[in-house]
Amino acid sequence: MTKLTRRQFAGTAAGALAAAAIVRPAAAQAKWKWDLPAGYPATNFHSVNLIQFAKDVKDASGGKLEITVHAGASLFRVPEILRAVQTQQAQMGELLQVVLENDDAMFGADNIPFLATSFAEARRLAAAQKPFVDRRLQTRGVRMLFAVPWPPQGFYSPKALATPEDLRGLSFRSYGASAGRFAELAGMRVTTVQAAELVQALASGRVNSMISSGATGFDSKIWEHIKFFYDVQAWLPKNMTMVNQRAWASLDDATRTAVTKAAEVAEARGWAESERLANFFLEEFKKNGMTVEAPSPSLKAGFQRWGEELTKDWLARAGADGAALVAAYKASA
């Protein structure tokens, strides 16, 4: 064996340590790094759920897959997220499903007024809707991992409402086609505003009313702008979390299994949290000076009348698949 001088040994040892320093971080780095754009604030329960999902995936995959959640529409606006996932500008994404209703009515089934107004009904509707949504996403090179509902939708108004005629002339914030058509039937002025832009729209007076969940109102501190909430429980729309098919196929089997299991946990956790928070948000409204009440019989009748019109319109646009979905949902009761 060749003997090394003390200087040679020191140099060799230093080189070995330097090489080890290079190798060790590389071994610890993730094999895949994915972006997950989302449209709602980091404190919103949907975003909190996504952040926990990303942590669960990293832990279960042994650090091989790292998912960075970009909340608050900080990477892409909500209407842009599906396209971003399709083109792999982002490997994953979360958006409000009904935002895609203009492209295909089947994405808006959970916005049919008064079809599913409780969490139990919303679960059955989600099960009936999923195969139709899955097929449509597959043609876009995307797969859905999980979906989580918002609490039941109520009506936010700047003034007390007693009859359907009281809604006329209000400046209504719409987030999708169904909500916009509802506002038109009620004689309101419609402006499409995504959640990330809502506070500014309220402050500037662009909108002064909307139909949305308690979560959206809580996130935007709605009591600073609007004083009345009518608990009409019109529908429970869902956010869905998607992944690009090619990105999905690039994972090894163990990592795909880790993602699948984390998605199942995230879906169950999200449903439970939405249901838990439903009453909490309404109590917070009351604490902050809002009037929270059920609609009057006259106002409720107006909502139901407009809902029937929207249901007919949706069924006409959705065609045979829409009829099959509603039949499957009703048969599951």
Protein backbone atom coordinates (compact mmCIF):
# COMPACT_ATOMS: atom_id res chain seq x y z
CA MET A 1 0.00 0.00 0.00
CA THR A 2 1.32 3.40 -0.94
CA LYS A 3 2.12 5.53 2.09
CA LEU A 4 0.79 9.10 2.14
CA THR A 5 2.58 12.01 3.69
CA ARG A 6 0.68 13.97 6.32
CA ARG A 7 0.11 16.76 3.77
CA GLN A 8 -1.08 14.32 1.11
CA PHE A 9 -3.42 12.64 3.59
CA ALA A 10 -4.86 15.97 4.68
CA GLY A 11 -5.47 16.96 1.08
CA THR A 12 -7.08 13.63 0.27
CA ALA A 13 -9.30 13.78 3.35
CA ALA A 14 -10.39 17.31 2.52
CA GLY A 15 -11.25 16.22 -0.99
CA ALA A 16 -13.25 13.29 0.32
CA LEU A 17 -15.15 15.53 2.70
CA ALA A 18 -15.86 18.00 -0.08
CA ALA A 19 -17.14 15.21 -2.31
CA ALA A 20 -19.34 13.92 0.49
CA ALA A 21 -20.73 17.41 1.02
CA ILE A 22 -21.72 17.49 -2.63
CA VAL A 23 -23.23 14.00 -2.65
CA ARG A 24 -25.25 14.20 0.59
CA PRO A 25 -27.51 17.13 -0.35
CA ALA A 26 -28.15 15.58 -3.77
CA ALA A 27 -29.28 12.37 -2.10
CA ALA A 28 -31.62 14.35 0.16
CA GLN A 29 -33.18 16.38 -2.65
CA ALA A 30 -36.64 15.55 -3.95
CA LYS A 31 -36.79 13.60 -7.18
CA TRP A 32 -39.91 15.51 -8.24
CA LYS A 33 -40.86 19.10 -7.37
CA TRP A 34 -44.40 20.10 -8.28
CA ASP A 35 -46.37 23.34 -8.12
CA LEU A 36 -50.00 23.42 -7.02
CA PRO A 37 -51.75 26.77 -7.72
CA ALA A 38 -54.93 27.46 -5.75
CA GLY A 39 -57.33 30.38 -5.75
CA TYR A 40 -58.09 31.00 -2.10
CA PRO A 41 -56.18 32.59 0.81
CA ALA A 42 -53.61 30.52 2.68
CA THR A 43 -55.85 30.68 5.78
CA ASN A 44 -58.93 29.35 3.95
CA PHE A 45 -59.78 25.81 4.99
CA HIS A 46 -59.35 24.53 1.41
CA SER A 47 -55.80 25.93 1.27
CA VAL A 48 -54.96 24.65 4.76
CA ASN A 49 -56.12 21.21 3.62
CA LEU A 50 -53.93 21.40 0.50
CA ILE A 51 -50.88 22.38 2.54
CA GLN A 52 -51.42 19.39 4.84
CA PHE A 53 -51.93 17.17 1.77
CA ALA A 54 -48.57 18.32 0.39
CA LYS A 55 -46.89 17.55 3.72
CA ASP A 56 -48.51 14.12 3.86
CA VAL A 57 -47.25 13.34 0.34
CA LYS A 58 -43.70 14.42 1.17
CA ASP A 59 -43.67 12.33 4.34
CA ALA A 60 -45.23 9.25 2.75
CA SER A 61 -42.94 9.39 -0.30
CA GLY A 62 -39.83 9.70 1.82
CA GLY A 63 -39.20 13.16 0.43
CA LYS A 64 -39.20 12.05 -3.20
CA LEU A 65 -42.13 14.30 -4.14
CA GLU A 66 -42.34 17.89 -2.92
CA ILE A 67 -45.51 19.86 -3.70
CA THR A 68 -45.52 23.64 -3.25
CA VAL A 69 -48.99 25.12 -2.73
CA HIS A 70 -49.39 28.62 -4.22
CA ALA A 71 -52.48 29.95 -2.43
CA GLY A 72 -54.42 33.12 -3.09
CA ALA A 73 -54.18 32.95 -6.91
CA SER A 74 -50.53 33.95 -6.52
CA LEU A 75 -49.33 31.75 -9.40
CA PHE A 76 -52.42 31.57 -11.67
CA ARG A 77 -55.90 33.05 -11.48
CA VAL A 78 -58.66 30.49 -10.90
CA PRO A 79 -59.96 30.48 -14.51
CA GLU A 80 -56.39 29.82 -15.73
CA ILE A 81 -55.60 26.86 -13.48
CA LEU A 82 -57.00 24.01 -15.58
CA ARG A 83 -55.11 25.25 -18.64
CA ALA A 84 -51.93 25.55 -16.57
CA VAL A 85 -52.26 21.93 -15.44
CA GLN A 86 -53.05 20.74 -18.97
CA THR A 87 -49.88 22.36 -20.32
CA GLN A 88 -47.73 21.38 -17.31
CA GLN A 89 -47.03 24.98 -16.39
CA ALA A 90 -48.11 23.49 -13.06
CA GLN A 91 -48.22 19.77 -12.38
CA MET A 92 -51.24 20.11 -10.07
CA GLY A 93 -53.97 22.64 -9.38
CA GLU A 94 -57.10 23.31 -7.38
CA LEU A 95 -60.12 25.26 -8.60
CA LEU A 96 -63.82 25.73 -8.06
CA GLN A 97 -65.34 23.12 -10.33
CA VAL A 98 -68.25 25.26 -11.54
CA VAL A 99 -65.80 27.78 -13.04
CA LEU A 100 -65.55 25.29 -15.93
CA GLU A 101 -69.31 25.18 -16.51
CA ASN A 102 -69.16 27.45 -19.57
CA ASP A 103 -67.00 24.81 -21.28
CA ASP A 104 -69.18 21.89 -20.19
CA ALA A 105 -72.37 21.97 -18.15
CA MET A 106 -71.47 18.76 -16.31
CA PHE A 107 -68.88 20.65 -14.27
CA GLY A 108 -71.74 22.71 -12.80
CA ALA A 109 -73.97 19.92 -11.52
CA ASP A 110 -73.21 20.82 -7.91
CA ASN A 111 -74.57 24.33 -8.58
CA ILE A 112 -78.08 23.19 -9.53
CA PRO A 113 -80.18 25.16 -7.03
CA PHE A 114 -81.81 23.15 -4.26
CA LEU A 115 -80.86 19.79 -5.76
CA ALA A 116 -78.43 19.01 -2.92
CA THR A 117 -78.67 21.33 0.07
CA SER A 118 -77.09 19.27 2.88
CA PHE A 119 -73.72 17.58 3.27
CA ALA A 120 -75.34 14.14 3.07
CA GLU A 121 -77.05 15.05 -0.20
CA ALA A 122 -73.88 16.70 -1.50
CA ARG A 123 -71.94 13.46 -0.93
CA ARG A 124 -74.44 11.53 -3.01
CA LEU A 125 -74.36 14.14 -5.75
CA ALA A 126 -70.55 14.15 -5.76
CA ALA A 127 -70.52 10.37 -6.22
CA ALA A 128 -72.97 10.63 -9.13
CA GLN A 129 -71.06 13.50 -10.74
CA LYS A 130 -67.54 12.10 -10.43
CA PRO A 131 -67.50 9.63 -13.35
CA PHE A 132 -68.81 12.31 -15.72
CA VAL A 133 -66.18 14.80 -14.56
CA ASP A 134 -63.42 12.18 -14.69
CA ARG A 135 -64.17 11.41 -18.35
CA ARG A 136 -64.10 15.06 -19.30
CA LEU A 137 -60.83 15.70 -17.50
CA GLN A 138 -59.20 12.66 -19.10
CA THR A 139 -59.77 14.14 -22.57
CA ARG A 140 -57.79 17.15 -21.36
CA GLY A 141 -54.88 15.04 -20.08
CA VAL A 142 -55.84 15.66 -16.45
CA ARG A 143 -57.11 13.47 -13.61
CA MET A 144 -58.99 14.51 -10.49
CA LEU A 145 -57.43 13.45 -7.19
CA PHE A 146 -60.09 14.67 -4.77
CA ALA A 147 -62.89 17.19 -4.27
CA VAL A 148 -64.05 19.09 -1.19
CA PRO A 149 -67.31 21.10 -0.82
CA TRP A 150 -67.88 24.58 0.46
CA PRO A 151 -70.51 25.04 3.17
CA PRO A 152 -74.06 25.67 1.89
CA GLN A 153 -74.45 28.88 -0.11
CA GLY A 154 -76.33 31.84 1.32
CA PHE A 155 -77.25 35.28 0.03
CA TYR A 156 -75.31 38.38 1.15
CA SER A 157 -77.20 41.67 0.89
CA PRO A 158 -76.47 45.30 1.80
CA LYS A 159 -80.08 45.73 2.93
CA ALA A 160 -82.92 43.76 4.49
CA LEU A 161 -84.81 41.58 2.00
CA ALA A 162 -88.46 40.61 2.35
CA THR A 163 -89.60 39.81 -1.19
CA PRO A 164 -87.95 38.74 -4.46
CA GLU A 165 -88.46 42.27 -5.83
CA ASP A 166 -86.07 43.62 -3.18
CA LEU A 167 -83.13 42.08 -5.06
CA ARG A 168 -83.66 44.18 -8.18
CA GLY A 169 -80.86 46.59 -8.91
CA LEU A 170 -78.29 45.05 -6.54
CA SER A 171 -74.73 44.76 -7.88
CA PHE A 172 -74.15 41.02 -7.75
CA ARG A 173 -70.81 39.23 -7.62
CA SER A 174 -70.83 36.09 -9.77
CA TYR A 175 -68.17 33.36 -9.74
CA GLY A 176 -69.65 31.14 -12.45
CA ALA A 177 -72.31 30.77 -15.09
CA SER A 178 -75.05 29.45 -12.78
CA ALA A 179 -74.69 32.25 -10.25
CA GLY A 180 -74.67 34.82 -13.05
CA ARG A 181 -77.88 33.48 -14.59
CA PHE A 182 -79.51 33.43 -11.14
CA ALA A 183 -78.70 37.14 -10.73
CA GLU A 184 -80.10 37.99 -14.15
CA LEU A 185 -83.38 36.23 -13.34
CA ALA A 186 -83.58 38.24 -10.11
CA GLY A 187 -83.00 41.54 -11.93
CA MET A 188 -79.54 42.22 -10.49
CA ARG A 189 -76.49 43.68 -12.25
CA VAL A 190 -73.84 40.99 -12.70
CA THR A 191 -70.07 41.28 -12.36
CA THR A 192 -67.77 38.24 -12.37
CA VAL A 193 -65.26 38.50 -9.51
CA GLN A 194 -62.95 35.71 -8.37
CA ALA A 195 -62.27 35.22 -4.66
CA ALA A 196 -58.80 36.77 -4.76
CA GLU A 197 -60.32 40.03 -6.07
CA LEU A 198 -63.41 40.10 -3.85
CA VAL A 199 -62.23 42.44 -1.08
CA GLN A 200 -61.20 45.09 -3.59
CA ALA A 201 -64.49 44.73 -5.48
CA LEU A 202 -66.47 45.18 -2.25
CA ALA A 203 -64.41 48.14 -1.11
CA SER A 204 -64.76 49.92 -4.45
CA GLY A 205 -68.50 49.28 -4.63
CA ARG A 206 -68.28 47.21 -7.83
CA VAL A 207 -70.39 44.59 -6.06
CA ASN A 208 -72.60 44.76 -2.98
CA SER A 209 -74.25 41.33 -2.96
CA MET A 210 -73.47 37.71 -3.75
CA ILE A 211 -74.51 34.13 -3.20
CA SER A 212 -71.63 32.25 -1.59
CA SER A 213 -70.59 30.21 1.42
CA GLY A 214 -69.84 31.45 4.90
CA ALA A 215 -66.18 30.68 4.26
CA THR A 216 -65.87 33.27 1.50
CA GLY A 217 -67.57 35.88 3.65
CA PHE A 218 -65.33 35.10 6.59
CA ASP A 219 -62.15 35.23 4.49
CA SER A 220 -63.08 38.66 3.14
CA LYS A 221 -64.34 40.10 6.45
CA ILE A 222 -67.62 40.66 4.68
CA TRP A 223 -69.16 42.39 7.71
CA GLU A 224 -67.08 45.47 6.89
CA HIS A 225 -69.14 45.91 3.70
CA ILE A 226 -72.36 43.86 3.90
CA LYS A 227 -74.70 43.53 6.87
CA PHE A 228 -77.26 40.86 5.94
CA PHE A 229 -76.86 37.12 5.32
CA TYR A 230 -79.82 34.95 4.31
CA ASP A 231 -79.23 31.25 4.94
CA VAL A 232 -80.94 29.93 1.80
CA GLN A 233 -78.67 26.82 1.55
CA ALA A 234 -78.96 26.87 -2.24
CA TRP A 235 -76.15 24.43 -3.13
CA LEU A 236 -72.74 23.13 -2.00
CA PRO A 237 -70.18 23.69 -4.78
CA LYS A 238 -66.90 21.78 -4.73
CA ASN A 239 -63.24 22.59 -5.23
CA MET A 240 -61.38 19.85 -7.09
CA THR A 241 -57.67 19.09 -6.97
CA MET A 242 -56.19 17.82 -10.25
CA VAL A 243 -52.92 16.43 -11.58
CA ASN A 244 -51.48 16.38 -15.08
CA GLN A 245 -51.57 12.83 -16.50
CA ARG A 246 -48.02 12.92 -17.86
CA ALA A 247 -46.69 14.20 -14.54
CA TRP A 248 -48.67 11.46 -12.80
CA ALA A 249 -47.22 8.79 -15.11
CA SER A 250 -43.68 10.02 -14.38
CA LEU A 251 -43.97 8.97 -10.71
CA ASP A 252 -42.90 5.53 -9.56
CA ASP A 253 -45.56 3.15 -8.23
CA ALA A 254 -44.76 3.76 -4.57
CA THR A 255 -45.02 7.53 -4.93
CA ARG A 256 -48.31 7.30 -6.84
CA THR A 257 -49.64 5.14 -4.02
CA ALA A 258 -48.49 7.75 -1.50
CA VAL A 259 -50.29 10.51 -3.40
CA THR A 260 -53.47 8.44 -3.77
CA LYS A 261 -53.64 7.65 -0.07
CA ALA A 262 -52.90 11.28 0.90
CA ALA A 263 -55.66 12.42 -1.47
CA GLU A 264 -58.18 10.07 0.16
CA VAL A 265 -57.25 11.44 3.58
CA ALA A 266 -57.42 15.05 2.32
CA GLU A 267 -60.88 14.54 0.86
CA ALA A 268 -62.25 13.05 4.08
CA ARG A 269 -60.57 15.75 6.16
CA GLY A 270 -61.87 18.52 3.88
CA TRP A 271 -65.49 17.32 4.00
CA ALA A 272 -65.38 17.05 7.78
CA GLU A 273 -63.85 20.51 8.15
CA SER A 274 -66.36 22.14 5.79
CA GLU A 275 -69.23 20.69 7.80
CA ARG A 276 -67.63 21.68 11.11
CA LEU A 277 -67.09 25.26 9.99
CA ALA A 278 -70.53 25.84 8.46
CA ASN A 279 -72.13 27.05 11.70
CA PHE A 280 -68.90 28.66 12.95
CA PHE A 281 -68.86 31.15 10.07
CA LEU A 282 -72.45 32.19 10.69
CA GLU A 283 -71.75 32.72 14.39
CA GLU A 284 -68.77 34.91 13.46
CA PHE A 285 -71.02 37.00 11.24
CA LYS A 286 -73.36 37.59 14.18
CA LYS A 287 -70.46 38.49 16.48
CA ASN A 288 -69.37 41.10 13.97
CA GLY A 289 -72.76 42.78 13.75
CA MET A 290 -74.36 41.03 10.78
CA THR A 291 -77.99 39.96 10.68
CA VAL A 292 -78.15 36.23 9.93
CA GLU A 293 -81.56 34.73 9.29
CA ALA A 294 -83.60 32.40 7.13
CA PRO A 295 -85.31 33.95 4.10
CA SER A 296 -88.94 34.98 4.42
CA PRO A 297 -91.50 32.63 2.81
CA SER A 298 -91.90 35.11 -0.06
CA LEU A 299 -88.17 35.44 -0.62
CA LYS A 300 -87.66 31.67 -0.39
CA ALA A 301 -90.39 31.13 -2.98
CA GLY A 302 -88.56 33.52 -5.29
CA PHE A 303 -85.29 31.66 -4.87
CA GLN A 304 -87.03 28.37 -5.59
CA ARG A 305 -88.74 29.78 -8.68
CA TRP A 306 -85.45 31.02 -10.09
CA GLY A 307 -83.87 27.71 -9.11
CA GLU A 308 -86.41 25.82 -11.19
CA GLU A 309 -85.57 27.99 -14.19
CA LEU A 310 -81.86 27.37 -13.70
CA THR A 311 -82.43 23.63 -13.36
CA LYS A 312 -84.34 23.51 -16.66
CA ASP A 313 -81.60 25.54 -18.31
CA TRP A 314 -78.87 23.25 -16.93
CA LEU A 315 -80.66 20.08 -18.03
CA ALA A 316 -81.10 21.50 -21.54
CA ARG A 317 -77.39 22.31 -21.77
CA ALA A 318 -76.21 19.06 -20.16
CA GLY A 319 -78.29 16.81 -22.43
CA ALA A 320 -78.43 13.05 -21.93
CA ASP A 321 -75.46 12.99 -19.55
CA GLY A 322 -77.14 15.58 -17.35
CA ALA A 323 -80.36 13.58 -17.19
CA ALA A 324 -78.38 10.42 -16.37
CA LEU A 325 -76.46 12.19 -13.60
CA VAL A 326 -79.59 13.56 -11.93
CA ALA A 327 -81.30 10.15 -12.24
CA ALA A 328 -78.28 8.42 -10.64
CA TYR A 329 -78.28 10.96 -7.82
CA LYS A 330 -82.00 10.55 -7.10
CA ALA A 331 -81.74 6.76 -7.27
CA SER A 332 -79.03 6.82 -4.57
CA ALA A 333 -81.39 8.30 -1.97
